[in-house]
Amino acid sequence: MTSRAGEPFDTDRAAAEVAGLLTAPVPADGPTTAEGDPVTEEWTVTAGAGFRIVPLWEGDPLTGVYAPEWNDAEEAAASHVAELARALDARWGPHHRVRLDGPLMRRQGGSPVEPLFEALFSQDLYGDLEVWGPLDPGGRWVGLIFGHSDGDAPFVLAALVSDRPIPEPADVDGRL
């Protein structure tokens, strides 16, 4: 669960928060750490060497929800990502997609993955990244992603900023 539980999705708010990440602090090095709200312990931010990840929206829990309502919830989450991506495209130009299926398969096979990808997977963010960059000021990279941990967990939309290029990962066989 995230600190965004119960908040309605708002494209303008989310776009402003993503833009704010361009000036947010990111550690130059060190371990990846996830932080939670001191009272609820719900996820608020993950930071690691060169990146910061924050939740933007959390859907309703899917406990006891089955198709077609489950499919509707997934479509709603995907539409939030698409709507936000369109708003950011208008601001920064077209984005590109970074597929994470290769790193996810390597991780599931017990192999290490890039710290940024490990941090995303640790927050159950398994989708593909929608990426813009490098952006001014400072040449940072921004990404959007959504996912959920299991059939009952809510969908979560998150944003990230990186002070270095977001790598195009090799697939599970090591090919780009």
C-alpha atoms as a PDB file:
ATOM      1  CA  MET A   1       0.000   0.000   0.000  1.00  0.00           C
ATOM      2  CA  THR A   2       1.069   3.554  -0.664  1.00  0.00           C
ATOM      3  CA  SER A   3       0.541   6.937   0.902  1.00  0.00           C
ATOM      4  CA  ARG A   4      -1.791   7.743  -2.027  1.00  0.00           C
ATOM      5  CA  ALA A   5      -4.534   5.286  -1.012  1.00  0.00           C
ATOM      6  CA  GLY A   6      -7.983   6.821  -1.257  1.00  0.00           C
ATOM      7  CA  GLU A   7      -6.935   9.816  -3.377  1.00  0.00           C
ATOM      8  CA  PRO A   8      -8.720  10.257  -6.704  1.00  0.00           C
ATOM      9  CA  PHE A   9      -6.529  10.434  -9.797  1.00  0.00           C
ATOM     10  CA  ASP A  10      -5.946  13.958 -11.055  1.00  0.00           C
ATOM     11  CA  THR A  11      -3.884  14.388 -14.213  1.00  0.00           C
ATOM     12  CA  ASP A  12      -2.895  18.005 -13.519  1.00  0.00           C
ATOM     13  CA  ARG A  13      -1.736  17.208  -9.968  1.00  0.00           C
ATOM     14  CA  ALA A  14       0.181  14.140 -11.136  1.00  0.00           C
ATOM     15  CA  ALA A  15       1.838  16.059 -14.007  1.00  0.00           C
ATOM     16  CA  ALA A  16       2.911  18.801 -11.590  1.00  0.00           C
ATOM     17  CA  GLU A  17       4.371  16.212  -9.203  1.00  0.00           C
ATOM     18  CA  VAL A  18       6.265  14.520 -12.031  1.00  0.00           C
ATOM     19  CA  ALA A  19       7.642  17.895 -13.186  1.00  0.00           C
ATOM     20  CA  GLY A  20       8.676  18.595  -9.594  1.00  0.00           C
ATOM     21  CA  LEU A  21      10.843  15.496  -9.644  1.00  0.00           C
ATOM     22  CA  LEU A  22      13.206  17.273 -12.041  1.00  0.00           C
ATOM     23  CA  THR A  23      14.527  19.263  -9.090  1.00  0.00           C
ATOM     24  CA  ALA A  24      14.056  16.627  -6.363  1.00  0.00           C
ATOM     25  CA  PRO A  25      17.146  15.372  -4.582  1.00  0.00           C
ATOM     26  CA  VAL A  26      18.569  12.029  -5.682  1.00  0.00           C
ATOM     27  CA  PRO A  27      21.482  10.292  -3.992  1.00  0.00           C
ATOM     28  CA  ALA A  28      24.711  10.161  -6.009  1.00  0.00           C
ATOM     29  CA  ASP A  29      25.481   6.699  -4.647  1.00  0.00           C
ATOM     30  CA  GLY A  30      24.726   4.400  -1.761  1.00  0.00           C
ATOM     31  CA  PRO A  31      22.125   1.760  -1.066  1.00  0.00           C
ATOM     32  CA  THR A  32      18.524   1.831  -2.221  1.00  0.00           C
ATOM     33  CA  THR A  33      16.106   2.694   0.577  1.00  0.00           C
ATOM     34  CA  ALA A  34      12.321   2.713   0.666  1.00  0.00           C
ATOM     35  CA  GLU A  35      10.557   4.990   3.116  1.00  0.00           C
ATOM     36  CA  GLY A  36       7.066   4.913   4.509  1.00  0.00           C
ATOM     37  CA  ASP A  37       4.727   7.229   6.328  1.00  0.00           C
ATOM     38  CA  PRO A  38       5.820   7.270  10.005  1.00  0.00           C
ATOM     39  CA  VAL A  39       2.275   6.522  11.219  1.00  0.00           C
ATOM     40  CA  THR A  40       0.803   4.203   8.574  1.00  0.00           C
ATOM     41  CA  GLU A  41       4.075   2.818   7.167  1.00  0.00           C
ATOM     42  CA  GLU A  42       2.587   3.130   3.683  1.00  0.00           C
ATOM     43  CA  TRP A  43       5.194   3.586   0.935  1.00  0.00           C
ATOM     44  CA  THR A  44       6.079   7.232   0.213  1.00  0.00           C
ATOM     45  CA  VAL A  45       9.419   7.183  -1.665  1.00  0.00           C
ATOM     46  CA  THR A  46      12.268   4.945  -2.756  1.00  0.00           C
ATOM     47  CA  ALA A  47      15.680   6.448  -3.474  1.00  0.00           C
ATOM     48  CA  GLY A  48      18.897   4.888  -4.694  1.00  0.00           C
ATOM     49  CA  ALA A  49      22.060   5.744  -6.569  1.00  0.00           C
ATOM     50  CA  GLY A  50      20.904   8.335  -9.088  1.00  0.00           C
ATOM     51  CA  PHE A  51      17.131   7.853  -8.815  1.00  0.00           C
ATOM     52  CA  ARG A  52      13.977   8.603  -6.847  1.00  0.00           C
ATOM     53  CA  ILE A  53      10.605   6.806  -7.199  1.00  0.00           C
ATOM     54  CA  VAL A  54       7.306   8.111  -5.787  1.00  0.00           C
ATOM     55  CA  PRO A  55       3.719   6.864  -5.889  1.00  0.00           C
ATOM     56  CA  LEU A  56       1.273   9.118  -7.744  1.00  0.00           C
ATOM     57  CA  TRP A  57      -1.972   7.157  -7.396  1.00  0.00           C
ATOM     58  CA  GLU A  58      -3.300   3.964  -5.834  1.00  0.00           C
ATOM     59  CA  GLY A  59      -6.512   2.291  -6.925  1.00  0.00           C
ATOM     60  CA  ASP A  60      -8.995   0.456  -4.764  1.00  0.00           C
ATOM     61  CA  PRO A  61      -8.080  -2.950  -3.317  1.00  0.00           C
ATOM     62  CA  LEU A  62      -9.206  -5.810  -5.537  1.00  0.00           C
ATOM     63  CA  THR A  63     -10.119  -8.205  -2.726  1.00  0.00           C
ATOM     64  CA  GLY A  64     -13.037 -10.309  -3.918  1.00  0.00           C
ATOM     65  CA  VAL A  65     -13.074  -8.598  -7.315  1.00  0.00           C
ATOM     66  CA  TYR A  66     -13.161 -10.782 -10.415  1.00  0.00           C
ATOM     67  CA  ALA A  67     -13.610 -10.232 -14.155  1.00  0.00           C
ATOM     68  CA  PRO A  68     -15.090  -8.060 -15.579  1.00  0.00           C
ATOM     69  CA  GLU A  69     -14.644  -5.650 -12.618  1.00  0.00           C
ATOM     70  CA  TRP A  70     -10.976  -6.648 -12.245  1.00  0.00           C
ATOM     71  CA  ASN A  71     -10.412  -5.941 -15.948  1.00  0.00           C
ATOM     72  CA  ASP A  72     -12.164  -2.592 -15.526  1.00  0.00           C
ATOM     73  CA  ALA A  73      -9.771  -1.688 -12.685  1.00  0.00           C
ATOM     74  CA  GLU A  74      -6.748  -2.600 -14.801  1.00  0.00           C
ATOM     75  CA  GLU A  75      -8.085  -0.591 -17.745  1.00  0.00           C
ATOM     76  CA  ALA A  76      -8.676   2.405 -15.458  1.00  0.00           C
ATOM     77  CA  ALA A  77      -5.071   2.254 -14.212  1.00  0.00           C
ATOM     78  CA  ALA A  78      -3.749   1.948 -17.774  1.00  0.00           C
ATOM     79  CA  SER A  79      -5.901   4.898 -18.847  1.00  0.00           C
ATOM     80  CA  HIS A  80      -4.453   7.026 -16.017  1.00  0.00           C
ATOM     81  CA  VAL A  81      -0.945   6.248 -17.280  1.00  0.00           C
ATOM     82  CA  ALA A  82      -1.941   7.025 -20.880  1.00  0.00           C
ATOM     83  CA  GLU A  83      -3.644  10.289 -19.886  1.00  0.00           C
ATOM     84  CA  LEU A  84      -0.658  11.408 -17.835  1.00  0.00           C
ATOM     85  CA  ALA A  85       1.743  10.368 -20.621  1.00  0.00           C
ATOM     86  CA  ARG A  86      -0.213  12.518 -23.100  1.00  0.00           C
ATOM     87  CA  ALA A  87       0.051  15.499 -20.732  1.00  0.00           C
ATOM     88  CA  LEU A  88       3.793  14.973 -20.333  1.00  0.00           C
ATOM     89  CA  ASP A  89       4.227  14.460 -24.109  1.00  0.00           C
ATOM     90  CA  ALA A  90       2.639  17.893 -24.588  1.00  0.00           C
ATOM     91  CA  ARG A  91       5.211  19.345 -22.176  1.00  0.00           C
ATOM     92  CA  TRP A  92       8.376  17.430 -23.143  1.00  0.00           C
ATOM     93  CA  GLY A  93       7.715  15.793 -26.508  1.00  0.00           C
ATOM     94  CA  PRO A  94       7.163  12.127 -27.281  1.00  0.00           C
ATOM     95  CA  HIS A  95       8.230   9.497 -24.789  1.00  0.00           C
ATOM     96  CA  HIS A  96       9.604   6.050 -25.483  1.00  0.00           C
ATOM     97  CA  ARG A  97       8.843   2.737 -23.830  1.00  0.00           C
ATOM     98  CA  VAL A  98      11.397   0.724 -21.878  1.00  0.00           C
ATOM     99  CA  ARG A  99      10.288  -2.880 -21.537  1.00  0.00           C
ATOM    100  CA  LEU A 100      11.098  -4.523 -18.214  1.00  0.00           C
ATOM    101  CA  ASP A 101      10.171  -8.126 -18.999  1.00  0.00           C
ATOM    102  CA  GLY A 102      13.840  -9.110 -19.513  1.00  0.00           C
ATOM    103  CA  PRO A 103      15.047  -7.758 -16.153  1.00  0.00           C
ATOM    104  CA  LEU A 104      11.993  -9.222 -14.431  1.00  0.00           C
ATOM    105  CA  MET A 105      12.701 -12.676 -15.857  1.00  0.00           C
ATOM    106  CA  ARG A 106      16.379 -12.396 -14.852  1.00  0.00           C
ATOM    107  CA  ARG A 107      15.338 -11.384 -11.326  1.00  0.00           C
ATOM    108  CA  GLN A 108      12.878 -14.259 -11.099  1.00  0.00           C
ATOM    109  CA  GLY A 109      15.716 -16.548 -12.183  1.00  0.00           C
ATOM    110  CA  GLY A 110      17.881 -15.318  -9.312  1.00  0.00           C
ATOM    111  CA  SER A 111      20.172 -13.039 -11.330  1.00  0.00           C
ATOM    112  CA  PRO A 112      20.891  -9.473 -10.243  1.00  0.00           C
ATOM    113  CA  VAL A 113      19.313  -6.559 -12.113  1.00  0.00           C
ATOM    114  CA  GLU A 114      20.074  -2.843 -12.250  1.00  0.00           C
ATOM    115  CA  PRO A 115      19.345  -1.103  -8.908  1.00  0.00           C
ATOM    116  CA  LEU A 116      16.627   1.068 -10.485  1.00  0.00           C
ATOM    117  CA  PHE A 117      14.793  -1.983 -11.824  1.00  0.00           C
ATOM    118  CA  GLU A 118      15.229  -3.838  -8.528  1.00  0.00           C
ATOM    119  CA  ALA A 119      13.718  -0.858  -6.711  1.00  0.00           C
ATOM    120  CA  LEU A 120      10.710  -0.839  -9.061  1.00  0.00           C
ATOM    121  CA  PHE A 121      10.159  -4.574  -8.658  1.00  0.00           C
ATOM    122  CA  SER A 122      10.484  -4.280  -4.881  1.00  0.00           C
ATOM    123  CA  GLN A 123       7.451  -1.949  -4.967  1.00  0.00           C
ATOM    124  CA  ASP A 124       5.570  -4.415  -7.211  1.00  0.00           C
ATOM    125  CA  LEU A 125       5.858  -2.121 -10.220  1.00  0.00           C
ATOM    126  CA  TYR A 126       6.210  -4.690 -12.992  1.00  0.00           C
ATOM    127  CA  GLY A 127       4.893  -2.801 -16.041  1.00  0.00           C
ATOM    128  CA  ASP A 128       6.863  -1.158 -18.797  1.00  0.00           C
ATOM    129  CA  LEU A 129       8.335   2.294 -18.258  1.00  0.00           C
ATOM    130  CA  GLU A 130       7.183   5.314 -20.255  1.00  0.00           C
ATOM    131  CA  VAL A 131      10.353   7.465 -20.408  1.00  0.00           C
ATOM    132  CA  TRP A 132      11.243  11.068 -21.292  1.00  0.00           C
ATOM    133  CA  GLY A 133      14.735  12.460 -21.369  1.00  0.00           C
ATOM    134  CA  PRO A 134      17.151  13.870 -21.106  1.00  0.00           C
ATOM    135  CA  LEU A 135      15.175  16.887 -19.924  1.00  0.00           C
ATOM    136  CA  ASP A 136      16.187  20.381 -18.882  1.00  0.00           C
ATOM    137  CA  PRO A 137      17.192  21.513 -16.369  1.00  0.00           C
ATOM    138  CA  GLY A 138      20.072  19.197 -15.640  1.00  0.00           C
ATOM    139  CA  GLY A 139      19.571  16.446 -18.205  1.00  0.00           C
ATOM    140  CA  ARG A 140      17.426  14.269 -15.980  1.00  0.00           C
ATOM    141  CA  TRP A 141      15.241  11.392 -17.125  1.00  0.00           C
ATOM    142  CA  VAL A 142      11.629  10.840 -16.012  1.00  0.00           C
ATOM    143  CA  GLY A 143       9.509   7.700 -16.177  1.00  0.00           C
ATOM    144  CA  LEU A 144       6.013   6.431 -15.402  1.00  0.00           C
ATOM    145  CA  ILE A 145       5.059   2.883 -14.483  1.00  0.00           C
ATOM    146  CA  PHE A 146       2.125   1.011 -12.980  1.00  0.00           C
ATOM    147  CA  GLY A 147       1.674  -2.407 -11.453  1.00  0.00           C
ATOM    148  CA  HIS A 148       0.387  -4.375  -8.506  1.00  0.00           C
ATOM    149  CA  SER A 149       1.670  -7.167  -6.333  1.00  0.00           C
ATOM    150  CA  ASP A 150      -1.016  -9.803  -6.710  1.00  0.00           C
ATOM    151  CA  GLY A 151      -4.619 -10.341  -7.755  1.00  0.00           C
ATOM    152  CA  ASP A 152      -6.049  -8.631  -4.656  1.00  0.00           C
ATOM    153  CA  ALA A 153      -3.668  -5.684  -4.375  1.00  0.00           C
ATOM    154  CA  PRO A 154      -4.599  -2.287  -5.799  1.00  0.00           C
ATOM    155  CA  PHE A 155      -2.971  -0.978  -8.937  1.00  0.00           C
ATOM    156  CA  VAL A 156      -0.321   1.665  -8.278  1.00  0.00           C
ATOM    157  CA  LEU A 157       0.935   4.382 -10.623  1.00  0.00           C
ATOM    158  CA  ALA A 158       4.400   5.719  -9.845  1.00  0.00           C
ATOM    159  CA  ALA A 159       6.888   8.182 -11.301  1.00  0.00           C
ATOM    160  CA  LEU A 160      10.650   8.213 -11.184  1.00  0.00           C
ATOM    161  CA  VAL A 161      13.445  10.605 -11.880  1.00  0.00           C
ATOM    162  CA  SER A 162      17.015   9.613 -12.689  1.00  0.00           C
ATOM    163  CA  ASP A 163      20.105  11.757 -12.998  1.00  0.00           C
ATOM    164  CA  ARG A 164      21.496   9.265 -15.513  1.00  0.00           C
ATOM    165  CA  PRO A 165      20.000   7.620 -18.613  1.00  0.00           C
ATOM    166  CA  ILE A 166      17.410   4.949 -17.941  1.00  0.00           C
ATOM    167  CA  PRO A 167      18.995   1.893 -19.538  1.00  0.00           C
ATOM    168  CA  GLU A 168      17.307  -0.051 -22.289  1.00  0.00           C
ATOM    169  CA  PRO A 169      17.641  -3.460 -20.666  1.00  0.00           C
ATOM    170  CA  ALA A 170      18.745  -6.562 -22.461  1.00  0.00           C
ATOM    171  CA  ASP A 171      16.190  -9.327 -22.674  1.00  0.00           C
ATOM    172  CA  VAL A 172      16.536 -12.484 -20.639  1.00  0.00           C
ATOM    173  CA  ASP A 173      19.006 -13.876 -23.204  1.00  0.00           C
ATOM    174  CA  GLY A 174      21.214 -10.776 -22.963  1.00  0.00           C
ATOM    175  CA  ARG A 175      20.072  -9.197 -26.242  1.00  0.00           C
ATOM    176  CA  LEU A 176      18.763  -5.628 -26.540  1.00  0.00           C
END
